[in-house]
């Protein structure tokens, strides 16, 4: 999710669906590869969008990740929105696990929602509800909600401690998908929203 106009020739996908080379920008030669490790949580919505996570891995820049960390990715077919007014309600379609920055147990993105404003081209009222994994000192899992009031479509924004990146993907401009990458100083993940 580094750019909306990444050349397809910069991406390498394995027969099982895992992406092992990702473009770091719109430049065809600016890529990050999986040196060794696992690609997990591979999910897709047809040929519209695919997500996954490199973990227990090392990338071609020498960064290493344990099984709770990783490089989250979303690769999709860019979609231009033609409508210039109205709003669409967006709900979670697929998501990967919420990974921790320090390698401690992560969590699950239980639900997420937002409103897509077609006039302003923004994703409004993004709400991420996370079930954070039980720690050795806690008896139950912890529920946490993270929100962003407004984030530009096909862009990056920071709202308090939350960084949000979104890309509109799919094939139907009346029912677009929005791939969202989110992170704070302590956790991050990827979710794809379906908007109607």
N, C-alpha and C. Protein backbone atom coordinates (compact mmCIF):
# COMPACT_ATOMS: atom_id res chain seq x y z
N UNK A 1 0.82 -1.19 0.00
CA UNK A 1 0.00 0.00 0.00
C UNK A 1 0.86 1.25 0.00
N UNK A 2 1.91 1.22 -0.78
CA UNK A 2 2.80 2.37 -0.79
C UNK A 2 2.37 3.44 -1.79
N UNK A 3 1.65 3.05 -2.82
CA UNK A 3 1.20 4.01 -3.83
C UNK A 3 0.03 3.42 -4.59
N UNK A 4 -0.80 4.29 -5.13
CA UNK A 4 -1.95 3.81 -5.89
C UNK A 4 -1.57 3.41 -7.31
N UNK A 5 -0.37 3.81 -7.77
CA UNK A 5 0.02 3.54 -9.15
C UNK A 5 1.27 2.66 -9.24
N UNK A 6 1.35 1.65 -8.38
CA UNK A 6 2.48 0.72 -8.39
C UNK A 6 2.42 -0.13 -9.66
N UNK A 7 3.53 -0.26 -10.38
CA UNK A 7 3.52 -1.11 -11.57
C UNK A 7 3.41 -2.58 -11.20
N UNK A 8 2.54 -3.30 -11.88
CA UNK A 8 2.34 -4.72 -11.60
C UNK A 8 3.62 -5.52 -11.76
N UNK A 9 4.52 -5.07 -12.64
CA UNK A 9 5.77 -5.78 -12.86
C UNK A 9 6.69 -5.76 -11.63
N UNK A 10 6.41 -4.89 -10.65
CA UNK A 10 7.21 -4.81 -9.43
C UNK A 10 6.76 -5.80 -8.37
N UNK A 11 5.66 -6.48 -8.60
CA UNK A 11 5.09 -7.38 -7.61
C UNK A 11 5.36 -8.83 -8.01
N UNK A 12 5.70 -9.65 -7.01
CA UNK A 12 5.89 -11.08 -7.25
C UNK A 12 4.92 -11.84 -6.36
N UNK A 13 4.05 -12.64 -7.01
CA UNK A 13 3.07 -13.44 -6.28
C UNK A 13 3.35 -14.91 -6.52
N UNK A 14 3.34 -15.69 -5.45
CA UNK A 14 3.57 -17.13 -5.53
C UNK A 14 2.29 -17.85 -5.94
N UNK A 15 2.38 -19.10 -6.43
CA UNK A 15 1.18 -19.83 -6.86
C UNK A 15 0.10 -19.94 -5.77
N UNK A 16 0.49 -20.00 -4.49
CA UNK A 16 -0.50 -20.09 -3.41
C UNK A 16 -1.15 -18.77 -3.05
N UNK A 17 -0.75 -17.67 -3.73
CA UNK A 17 -1.36 -16.38 -3.50
C UNK A 17 -0.53 -15.41 -2.70
N UNK A 18 0.54 -15.88 -2.08
CA UNK A 18 1.38 -15.00 -1.25
C UNK A 18 2.22 -14.08 -2.11
N UNK A 19 2.29 -12.80 -1.71
CA UNK A 19 3.17 -11.85 -2.37
C UNK A 19 4.51 -11.84 -1.63
N UNK A 20 5.60 -12.03 -2.37
CA UNK A 20 6.93 -12.08 -1.76
C UNK A 20 7.83 -10.94 -2.22
N UNK A 21 7.38 -10.14 -3.17
CA UNK A 21 8.06 -8.90 -3.54
C UNK A 21 7.00 -7.82 -3.67
N UNK A 22 7.24 -6.70 -2.98
CA UNK A 22 6.29 -5.60 -2.96
C UNK A 22 6.97 -4.33 -3.44
N UNK A 23 6.23 -3.51 -4.14
CA UNK A 23 6.77 -2.23 -4.59
C UNK A 23 6.78 -1.25 -3.43
N UNK A 24 7.88 -0.52 -3.30
CA UNK A 24 7.99 0.48 -2.23
C UNK A 24 7.53 1.86 -2.68
N UNK A 25 7.36 2.05 -3.98
CA UNK A 25 6.87 3.32 -4.52
C UNK A 25 6.39 3.05 -5.94
N UNK A 26 6.09 4.12 -6.66
CA UNK A 26 5.65 3.96 -8.05
C UNK A 26 6.82 3.65 -8.99
N UNK A 27 8.05 3.74 -8.49
CA UNK A 27 9.22 3.40 -9.32
C UNK A 27 9.33 1.89 -9.45
N UNK A 28 9.46 1.41 -10.67
CA UNK A 28 9.43 -0.02 -10.95
C UNK A 28 10.54 -0.79 -10.23
N UNK A 29 11.68 -0.17 -9.98
CA UNK A 29 12.80 -0.89 -9.37
C UNK A 29 12.88 -0.70 -7.85
N UNK A 30 11.97 0.06 -7.28
CA UNK A 30 11.98 0.33 -5.84
C UNK A 30 11.11 -0.72 -5.15
N UNK A 31 11.75 -1.85 -4.75
CA UNK A 31 11.00 -2.99 -4.23
C UNK A 31 11.57 -3.48 -2.91
N UNK A 32 10.74 -4.17 -2.16
CA UNK A 32 11.14 -4.85 -0.94
C UNK A 32 10.76 -6.30 -1.10
N UNK A 33 11.70 -7.19 -0.84
CA UNK A 33 11.44 -8.61 -1.01
C UNK A 33 11.53 -9.37 0.29
N UNK A 34 10.92 -10.54 0.31
CA UNK A 34 11.00 -11.46 1.43
C UNK A 34 12.24 -12.32 1.22
N UNK A 35 13.27 -12.11 2.04
CA UNK A 35 14.51 -12.88 1.93
C UNK A 35 14.27 -14.33 2.36
N UNK A 36 13.68 -14.51 3.52
CA UNK A 36 13.23 -15.83 3.97
C UNK A 36 12.21 -15.64 5.08
N UNK A 37 11.38 -16.66 5.29
CA UNK A 37 10.36 -16.59 6.31
C UNK A 37 9.01 -17.04 5.80
N UNK A 38 7.98 -16.70 6.55
CA UNK A 38 6.63 -17.16 6.24
C UNK A 38 5.75 -16.01 5.76
N UNK A 39 4.80 -16.34 4.90
CA UNK A 39 3.74 -15.41 4.52
C UNK A 39 2.45 -16.03 5.06
N UNK A 40 1.81 -15.33 5.98
CA UNK A 40 0.63 -15.86 6.65
C UNK A 40 -0.59 -14.97 6.42
N UNK A 41 -1.74 -15.48 6.85
CA UNK A 41 -3.00 -14.74 6.79
C UNK A 41 -3.32 -14.27 5.38
N UNK A 42 -3.01 -15.09 4.41
CA UNK A 42 -3.27 -14.76 3.00
C UNK A 42 -4.78 -14.84 2.76
N UNK A 43 -5.35 -13.71 2.35
CA UNK A 43 -6.78 -13.63 2.05
C UNK A 43 -6.97 -12.77 0.82
N UNK A 44 -8.06 -12.99 0.11
CA UNK A 44 -8.32 -12.16 -1.05
C UNK A 44 -9.82 -12.04 -1.29
N UNK A 45 -10.16 -11.04 -2.08
CA UNK A 45 -11.52 -10.85 -2.56
C UNK A 45 -11.40 -10.93 -4.08
N UNK A 46 -11.56 -12.13 -4.62
CA UNK A 46 -11.37 -12.36 -6.05
C UNK A 46 -10.02 -11.82 -6.49
N UNK A 47 -10.00 -11.13 -7.61
CA UNK A 47 -8.77 -10.49 -8.08
C UNK A 47 -8.75 -9.00 -7.74
N UNK A 48 -9.70 -8.57 -6.88
CA UNK A 48 -9.80 -7.15 -6.52
C UNK A 48 -8.73 -6.72 -5.53
N UNK A 49 -8.48 -7.55 -4.51
CA UNK A 49 -7.52 -7.19 -3.47
C UNK A 49 -7.05 -8.45 -2.74
N UNK A 50 -5.79 -8.43 -2.33
CA UNK A 50 -5.22 -9.52 -1.54
C UNK A 50 -4.45 -8.92 -0.38
N UNK A 51 -4.52 -9.58 0.78
CA UNK A 51 -3.76 -9.14 1.94
C UNK A 51 -2.95 -10.31 2.48
N UNK A 52 -1.97 -10.00 3.29
CA UNK A 52 -1.17 -11.02 3.94
C UNK A 52 -0.15 -10.36 4.85
N UNK A 53 0.69 -11.20 5.46
CA UNK A 53 1.69 -10.67 6.39
C UNK A 53 2.94 -11.54 6.34
N UNK A 54 4.09 -10.90 6.22
CA UNK A 54 5.37 -11.60 6.35
C UNK A 54 5.68 -11.67 7.83
N UNK A 55 5.94 -12.86 8.35
CA UNK A 55 6.40 -12.97 9.74
C UNK A 55 7.37 -14.12 9.88
N UNK A 56 8.01 -14.19 11.05
CA UNK A 56 9.12 -15.12 11.26
C UNK A 56 10.05 -15.00 10.06
N UNK A 57 10.41 -13.76 9.73
CA UNK A 57 11.01 -13.48 8.43
C UNK A 57 12.13 -12.46 8.50
N UNK A 58 12.85 -12.37 7.38
CA UNK A 58 13.80 -11.29 7.15
C UNK A 58 13.55 -10.77 5.74
N UNK A 59 13.55 -9.43 5.58
CA UNK A 59 13.33 -8.87 4.26
C UNK A 59 14.68 -8.52 3.62
N UNK A 60 14.62 -8.07 2.38
CA UNK A 60 15.84 -7.80 1.62
C UNK A 60 16.59 -6.56 2.11
N UNK A 61 15.98 -5.79 3.01
CA UNK A 61 16.68 -4.67 3.65
C UNK A 61 17.36 -5.10 4.95
N UNK A 62 17.21 -6.38 5.32
CA UNK A 62 17.84 -6.89 6.53
C UNK A 62 17.00 -6.77 7.79
N UNK A 63 15.76 -6.29 7.68
CA UNK A 63 14.87 -6.21 8.84
C UNK A 63 14.36 -7.60 9.19
N UNK A 64 14.26 -7.90 10.48
CA UNK A 64 13.76 -9.21 10.91
C UNK A 64 12.48 -9.04 11.72
N UNK A 65 11.64 -10.07 11.68
CA UNK A 65 10.33 -10.03 12.33
C UNK A 65 10.07 -11.37 13.00
N UNK A 66 9.53 -11.34 14.24
CA UNK A 66 9.15 -12.59 14.87
C UNK A 66 7.73 -12.95 14.46
N UNK A 67 7.16 -14.00 15.09
CA UNK A 67 5.83 -14.45 14.65
C UNK A 67 4.70 -13.51 15.04
N UNK A 68 4.94 -12.54 15.92
CA UNK A 68 3.91 -11.57 16.29
C UNK A 68 4.02 -10.27 15.50
N UNK A 69 5.16 -10.06 14.85
CA UNK A 69 5.39 -8.83 14.09
C UNK A 69 5.18 -9.12 12.60
N UNK A 70 5.71 -8.26 11.75
CA UNK A 70 5.68 -8.55 10.34
C UNK A 70 5.37 -7.37 9.46
N UNK A 71 5.53 -7.60 8.17
CA UNK A 71 5.17 -6.63 7.15
C UNK A 71 3.76 -6.97 6.67
N UNK A 72 2.83 -6.09 6.92
CA UNK A 72 1.46 -6.28 6.44
C UNK A 72 1.37 -5.71 5.04
N UNK A 73 0.64 -6.38 4.16
CA UNK A 73 0.48 -5.81 2.82
C UNK A 73 -0.95 -5.95 2.32
N UNK A 74 -1.30 -5.04 1.43
CA UNK A 74 -2.55 -5.10 0.69
C UNK A 74 -2.20 -4.75 -0.76
N UNK A 75 -2.56 -5.63 -1.67
CA UNK A 75 -2.30 -5.42 -3.10
C UNK A 75 -3.64 -5.52 -3.81
N UNK A 76 -3.99 -4.46 -4.55
CA UNK A 76 -5.29 -4.49 -5.20
C UNK A 76 -5.31 -3.78 -6.53
N UNK A 77 -6.43 -3.91 -7.20
CA UNK A 77 -6.67 -3.24 -8.48
C UNK A 77 -7.17 -1.83 -8.20
N UNK A 78 -6.40 -0.79 -8.55
CA UNK A 78 -6.83 0.59 -8.27
C UNK A 78 -8.18 0.89 -8.94
N UNK A 79 -8.98 1.66 -8.26
CA UNK A 79 -10.31 2.00 -8.76
C UNK A 79 -10.55 3.49 -8.61
N UNK A 80 -10.99 4.13 -9.69
CA UNK A 80 -11.35 5.55 -9.66
C UNK A 80 -12.83 5.68 -9.34
N UNK A 81 -13.15 6.60 -8.47
CA UNK A 81 -14.54 6.85 -8.11
C UNK A 81 -15.09 7.96 -8.98
N UNK A 82 -16.24 7.71 -9.62
CA UNK A 82 -16.81 8.71 -10.53
C UNK A 82 -17.80 9.63 -9.84
N UNK A 83 -18.50 9.13 -8.83
CA UNK A 83 -19.51 9.96 -8.15
C UNK A 83 -18.83 11.08 -7.36
N UNK A 84 -19.47 12.24 -7.33
CA UNK A 84 -18.90 13.40 -6.64
C UNK A 84 -19.78 13.89 -5.48
N UNK A 85 -20.78 13.11 -5.14
CA UNK A 85 -21.62 13.48 -4.00
C UNK A 85 -22.17 12.21 -3.36
N UNK A 86 -22.62 12.35 -2.12
CA UNK A 86 -23.20 11.22 -1.40
C UNK A 86 -22.19 10.55 -0.48
N UNK A 87 -22.69 9.59 0.28
CA UNK A 87 -21.85 8.83 1.19
C UNK A 87 -22.14 7.34 1.06
N UNK A 88 -21.16 6.54 1.38
CA UNK A 88 -21.29 5.10 1.40
C UNK A 88 -20.91 4.60 2.78
N UNK A 89 -21.61 3.59 3.25
CA UNK A 89 -21.30 2.96 4.53
C UNK A 89 -20.33 1.82 4.28
N UNK A 90 -19.23 1.79 5.04
CA UNK A 90 -18.18 0.79 4.84
C UNK A 90 -18.05 -0.11 6.06
N UNK A 91 -17.99 -1.40 5.83
CA UNK A 91 -17.84 -2.37 6.91
C UNK A 91 -16.72 -3.36 6.57
N UNK A 92 -16.20 -3.99 7.59
CA UNK A 92 -15.07 -4.90 7.44
C UNK A 92 -15.43 -6.10 6.59
N UNK A 93 -14.56 -6.39 5.61
CA UNK A 93 -14.72 -7.55 4.74
C UNK A 93 -13.69 -8.62 5.08
N UNK A 94 -12.41 -8.25 5.07
CA UNK A 94 -11.33 -9.14 5.49
C UNK A 94 -10.30 -8.32 6.27
N UNK A 95 -9.56 -8.98 7.14
CA UNK A 95 -8.53 -8.30 7.94
C UNK A 95 -7.49 -9.32 8.37
N UNK A 96 -6.26 -8.85 8.57
CA UNK A 96 -5.25 -9.73 9.13
C UNK A 96 -5.18 -9.49 10.64
N UNK A 97 -4.34 -10.25 11.33
CA UNK A 97 -4.19 -10.11 12.77
C UNK A 97 -3.54 -8.78 13.09
N UNK A 98 -3.85 -8.25 14.25
CA UNK A 98 -3.23 -7.03 14.74
C UNK A 98 -1.88 -7.44 15.33
N UNK A 99 -0.80 -6.93 14.77
CA UNK A 99 0.55 -7.31 15.20
C UNK A 99 1.11 -6.25 16.14
N UNK A 100 1.88 -6.70 17.12
CA UNK A 100 2.51 -5.77 18.06
C UNK A 100 3.89 -5.38 17.55
N UNK A 101 4.29 -4.18 17.90
CA UNK A 101 5.59 -3.68 17.47
C UNK A 101 6.73 -4.33 18.23
N UNK A 102 6.49 -4.67 19.50
CA UNK A 102 7.57 -5.20 20.33
C UNK A 102 7.67 -6.72 20.32
N UNK A 103 6.82 -7.39 19.56
CA UNK A 103 6.88 -8.84 19.47
C UNK A 103 6.06 -9.57 20.50
N UNK A 104 5.34 -8.83 21.34
CA UNK A 104 4.46 -9.48 22.31
C UNK A 104 3.18 -9.94 21.60
N UNK A 105 2.36 -10.79 22.25
CA UNK A 105 1.14 -11.26 21.58
C UNK A 105 0.29 -10.11 21.06
N UNK A 106 -0.25 -10.27 19.87
CA UNK A 106 -1.06 -9.23 19.24
C UNK A 106 -2.53 -9.42 19.54
N UNK A 107 -3.36 -9.16 18.55
CA UNK A 107 -4.80 -9.25 18.77
C UNK A 107 -5.55 -9.53 17.48
N UNK A 108 -6.85 -9.39 17.56
CA UNK A 108 -7.75 -9.63 16.44
C UNK A 108 -8.58 -8.38 16.20
N UNK A 109 -8.67 -7.98 14.95
CA UNK A 109 -9.56 -6.87 14.60
C UNK A 109 -10.96 -7.45 14.48
N UNK A 110 -11.76 -7.23 15.52
CA UNK A 110 -13.10 -7.82 15.58
C UNK A 110 -14.05 -7.18 14.59
N UNK A 111 -14.14 -5.85 14.62
CA UNK A 111 -15.01 -5.12 13.70
C UNK A 111 -14.35 -3.80 13.31
N UNK A 112 -14.69 -3.33 12.14
CA UNK A 112 -14.25 -2.00 11.72
C UNK A 112 -15.31 -1.42 10.79
N UNK A 113 -15.42 -0.10 10.84
CA UNK A 113 -16.43 0.57 10.02
C UNK A 113 -15.99 2.00 9.74
N UNK A 114 -16.59 2.58 8.73
CA UNK A 114 -16.31 3.98 8.37
C UNK A 114 -17.39 4.44 7.41
N UNK A 115 -17.35 5.72 7.08
CA UNK A 115 -18.21 6.29 6.05
C UNK A 115 -17.33 6.90 4.97
N UNK A 116 -17.61 6.58 3.73
CA UNK A 116 -16.86 7.14 2.61
C UNK A 116 -17.63 8.33 2.06
N UNK A 117 -17.04 9.51 2.14
CA UNK A 117 -17.67 10.73 1.63
C UNK A 117 -17.19 10.95 0.20
N UNK A 118 -18.10 10.80 -0.75
CA UNK A 118 -17.73 10.90 -2.17
C UNK A 118 -17.43 12.33 -2.60
N UNK A 119 -17.97 13.31 -1.89
CA UNK A 119 -17.72 14.71 -2.24
C UNK A 119 -16.32 15.14 -1.82
N UNK A 120 -15.94 14.80 -0.58
CA UNK A 120 -14.64 15.22 -0.06
C UNK A 120 -13.53 14.21 -0.30
N UNK A 121 -13.93 13.00 -0.79
CA UNK A 121 -12.96 11.91 -1.02
C UNK A 121 -12.20 11.59 0.27
N UNK A 122 -12.98 11.40 1.35
CA UNK A 122 -12.40 11.07 2.63
C UNK A 122 -13.09 9.85 3.24
N UNK A 123 -12.36 9.18 4.10
CA UNK A 123 -12.88 8.07 4.90
C UNK A 123 -13.13 8.66 6.29
N UNK A 124 -14.40 8.76 6.67
CA UNK A 124 -14.76 9.44 7.91
C UNK A 124 -15.18 8.45 8.99
N UNK A 125 -14.93 8.84 10.24
CA UNK A 125 -15.35 8.07 11.40
C UNK A 125 -14.90 6.61 11.35
N UNK A 126 -13.63 6.42 11.00
CA UNK A 126 -13.06 5.07 11.00
C UNK A 126 -13.01 4.57 12.44
N UNK A 127 -13.57 3.40 12.66
CA UNK A 127 -13.65 2.81 13.99
C UNK A 127 -13.10 1.39 13.93
N UNK A 128 -12.04 1.12 14.69
CA UNK A 128 -11.41 -0.19 14.72
C UNK A 128 -11.55 -0.77 16.12
N UNK A 129 -12.24 -1.89 16.24
CA UNK A 129 -12.45 -2.54 17.53
C UNK A 129 -11.55 -3.77 17.62
N UNK A 130 -10.60 -3.73 18.55
CA UNK A 130 -9.56 -4.76 18.63
C UNK A 130 -9.73 -5.57 19.91
N UNK A 131 -9.64 -6.90 19.76
CA UNK A 131 -9.60 -7.81 20.89
C UNK A 131 -8.13 -8.14 21.11
N UNK A 132 -7.53 -7.50 22.12
CA UNK A 132 -6.10 -7.63 22.36
C UNK A 132 -5.83 -8.90 23.14
N UNK A 133 -4.82 -9.67 22.74
CA UNK A 133 -4.53 -10.98 23.33
C UNK A 133 -4.24 -10.87 24.82
N UNK A 134 -4.59 -11.93 25.51
CA UNK A 134 -4.34 -12.04 26.93
C UNK A 134 -2.83 -12.06 27.20
N UNK A 135 -2.39 -11.31 28.19
CA UNK A 135 -0.99 -11.33 28.60
C UNK A 135 -0.85 -12.26 29.80
N UNK A 136 0.37 -12.66 30.16
CA UNK A 136 0.53 -13.55 31.31
C UNK A 136 -0.01 -12.96 32.62
N UNK A 137 -0.14 -11.63 32.69
CA UNK A 137 -0.58 -10.99 33.92
C UNK A 137 -2.06 -10.62 33.91
N UNK A 138 -2.74 -10.86 32.80
CA UNK A 138 -4.16 -10.52 32.71
C UNK A 138 -4.99 -11.79 32.62
N UNK A 139 -6.17 -11.76 33.22
CA UNK A 139 -7.03 -12.94 33.21
C UNK A 139 -7.91 -13.00 31.97
N UNK A 140 -8.17 -11.86 31.36
CA UNK A 140 -9.02 -11.84 30.18
C UNK A 140 -8.38 -10.98 29.09
N UNK A 141 -8.84 -11.16 27.88
CA UNK A 141 -8.39 -10.32 26.78
C UNK A 141 -8.89 -8.89 27.00
N UNK A 142 -8.23 -7.95 26.37
CA UNK A 142 -8.57 -6.54 26.52
C UNK A 142 -9.22 -6.03 25.24
N UNK A 143 -10.34 -5.35 25.37
CA UNK A 143 -10.99 -4.71 24.22
C UNK A 143 -10.44 -3.30 24.09
N UNK A 144 -10.13 -2.92 22.86
CA UNK A 144 -9.60 -1.58 22.62
C UNK A 144 -10.23 -1.04 21.34
N UNK A 145 -10.62 0.22 21.35
CA UNK A 145 -11.19 0.86 20.17
C UNK A 145 -10.29 2.02 19.76
N UNK A 146 -9.95 2.05 18.48
CA UNK A 146 -9.13 3.11 17.93
C UNK A 146 -9.94 3.80 16.85
N UNK A 147 -9.92 5.14 16.82
CA UNK A 147 -10.74 5.87 15.86
C UNK A 147 -9.94 6.93 15.13
N UNK A 148 -10.42 7.26 13.94
CA UNK A 148 -9.88 8.36 13.16
C UNK A 148 -11.07 9.14 12.61
N UNK A 149 -11.12 10.44 12.87
CA UNK A 149 -12.25 11.25 12.43
C UNK A 149 -12.31 11.37 10.92
N UNK A 150 -11.16 11.55 10.29
CA UNK A 150 -11.14 11.74 8.83
C UNK A 150 -9.77 11.40 8.27
N UNK A 151 -9.77 10.65 7.17
CA UNK A 151 -8.52 10.31 6.49
C UNK A 151 -8.76 10.42 4.98
N UNK A 152 -7.82 10.97 4.23
CA UNK A 152 -8.02 11.09 2.79
C UNK A 152 -7.97 9.73 2.10
N UNK A 153 -8.80 9.56 1.08
CA UNK A 153 -8.72 8.35 0.27
C UNK A 153 -7.43 8.40 -0.56
N UNK A 154 -6.84 7.25 -0.79
CA UNK A 154 -5.60 7.16 -1.57
C UNK A 154 -4.51 8.07 -1.00
N UNK A 155 -4.42 8.08 0.32
CA UNK A 155 -3.42 8.92 0.97
C UNK A 155 -3.11 8.42 2.36
N UNK A 156 -2.31 9.20 3.06
CA UNK A 156 -1.87 8.88 4.42
C UNK A 156 -2.22 10.04 5.33
N UNK A 157 -2.68 9.72 6.55
CA UNK A 157 -2.95 10.77 7.52
C UNK A 157 -2.63 10.28 8.92
N UNK A 158 -2.38 11.24 9.79
CA UNK A 158 -2.15 10.94 11.20
C UNK A 158 -3.23 11.64 12.01
N UNK A 159 -3.89 10.88 12.86
CA UNK A 159 -4.93 11.42 13.71
C UNK A 159 -4.60 10.98 15.14
N UNK A 160 -3.96 11.87 15.91
CA UNK A 160 -3.48 11.48 17.23
C UNK A 160 -2.38 10.44 17.07
N UNK A 161 -2.46 9.35 17.81
CA UNK A 161 -1.42 8.32 17.69
C UNK A 161 -1.62 7.38 16.51
N UNK A 162 -2.73 7.52 15.78
CA UNK A 162 -3.08 6.58 14.72
C UNK A 162 -2.67 7.10 13.34
N UNK A 163 -1.90 6.29 12.62
CA UNK A 163 -1.55 6.58 11.23
C UNK A 163 -2.42 5.69 10.35
N UNK A 164 -3.07 6.29 9.36
CA UNK A 164 -3.97 5.56 8.47
C UNK A 164 -3.55 5.80 7.03
N UNK A 165 -3.47 4.71 6.26
CA UNK A 165 -3.23 4.80 4.83
C UNK A 165 -4.35 4.04 4.13
N UNK A 166 -4.91 4.62 3.08
CA UNK A 166 -6.00 3.95 2.38
C UNK A 166 -5.80 3.99 0.87
N UNK A 167 -6.30 2.95 0.21
CA UNK A 167 -6.30 2.88 -1.25
C UNK A 167 -7.64 2.30 -1.69
N UNK A 168 -8.31 2.97 -2.63
CA UNK A 168 -9.58 2.47 -3.17
C UNK A 168 -9.26 1.44 -4.24
N UNK A 169 -9.86 0.25 -4.10
CA UNK A 169 -9.61 -0.85 -5.03
C UNK A 169 -10.92 -1.50 -5.44
N UNK A 170 -10.83 -2.39 -6.41
CA UNK A 170 -12.01 -3.14 -6.85
C UNK A 170 -12.32 -2.92 -8.31
N UNK A 171 -13.57 -3.25 -8.70
CA UNK A 171 -13.99 -3.11 -10.09
C UNK A 171 -15.29 -2.37 -10.26
N UNK A 172 -16.00 -2.13 -9.15
CA UNK A 172 -17.31 -1.50 -9.21
C UNK A 172 -17.27 -0.19 -8.43
N UNK A 173 -17.29 0.93 -9.13
CA UNK A 173 -17.19 2.24 -8.48
C UNK A 173 -18.40 2.56 -7.61
N UNK A 174 -19.51 1.85 -7.82
CA UNK A 174 -20.69 2.08 -6.98
C UNK A 174 -20.60 1.29 -5.67
N UNK A 175 -19.74 0.27 -5.64
CA UNK A 175 -19.52 -0.53 -4.43
C UNK A 175 -18.03 -0.78 -4.26
N UNK A 176 -17.27 0.27 -4.00
CA UNK A 176 -15.81 0.13 -3.93
C UNK A 176 -15.35 -0.59 -2.67
N UNK A 177 -14.14 -1.09 -2.74
CA UNK A 177 -13.45 -1.62 -1.57
C UNK A 177 -12.38 -0.61 -1.19
N UNK A 178 -12.11 -0.50 0.10
CA UNK A 178 -11.05 0.39 0.56
C UNK A 178 -10.09 -0.43 1.42
N UNK A 179 -8.85 -0.56 0.94
CA UNK A 179 -7.81 -1.23 1.72
C UNK A 179 -7.22 -0.19 2.68
N UNK A 180 -7.19 -0.53 3.96
CA UNK A 180 -6.73 0.40 4.98
C UNK A 180 -5.59 -0.24 5.77
N UNK A 181 -4.46 0.45 5.81
CA UNK A 181 -3.37 0.08 6.70
C UNK A 181 -3.41 1.03 7.88
N UNK A 182 -3.24 0.50 9.08
CA UNK A 182 -3.29 1.33 10.27
C UNK A 182 -2.15 0.96 11.20
N UNK A 183 -1.63 1.95 11.90
CA UNK A 183 -0.56 1.66 12.87
C UNK A 183 -0.49 2.75 13.93
N UNK A 184 -0.01 2.34 15.09
CA UNK A 184 0.34 3.26 16.17
C UNK A 184 1.78 2.94 16.54
N UNK A 185 2.27 3.51 17.62
CA UNK A 185 3.63 3.20 18.04
C UNK A 185 3.75 1.77 18.55
N UNK A 186 2.62 1.11 18.84
CA UNK A 186 2.70 -0.21 19.44
C UNK A 186 2.05 -1.34 18.64
N UNK A 187 1.23 -1.06 17.64
CA UNK A 187 0.58 -2.14 16.88
C UNK A 187 0.16 -1.66 15.51
N UNK A 188 -0.21 -2.61 14.64
CA UNK A 188 -0.67 -2.27 13.30
C UNK A 188 -1.29 -3.46 12.60
N UNK A 189 -1.89 -3.19 11.45
CA UNK A 189 -2.51 -4.24 10.66
C UNK A 189 -3.12 -3.68 9.39
N UNK A 190 -3.84 -4.55 8.69
CA UNK A 190 -4.49 -4.20 7.43
C UNK A 190 -5.92 -4.71 7.47
N UNK A 191 -6.85 -3.90 6.94
CA UNK A 191 -8.24 -4.31 6.81
C UNK A 191 -8.77 -3.83 5.47
N UNK A 192 -9.66 -4.60 4.87
CA UNK A 192 -10.34 -4.18 3.65
C UNK A 192 -11.81 -3.96 3.99
N UNK A 193 -12.28 -2.74 3.67
CA UNK A 193 -13.67 -2.38 3.92
C UNK A 193 -14.47 -2.47 2.62
N UNK A 194 -15.69 -2.95 2.74
CA UNK A 194 -16.62 -2.99 1.62
C UNK A 194 -17.62 -1.85 1.80
N UNK A 195 -17.76 -1.01 0.78
CA UNK A 195 -18.59 0.20 0.89
C UNK A 195 -19.82 0.10 -0.02
N UNK A 196 -20.98 0.43 0.54
CA UNK A 196 -22.25 0.38 -0.21
C UNK A 196 -23.05 1.64 0.05
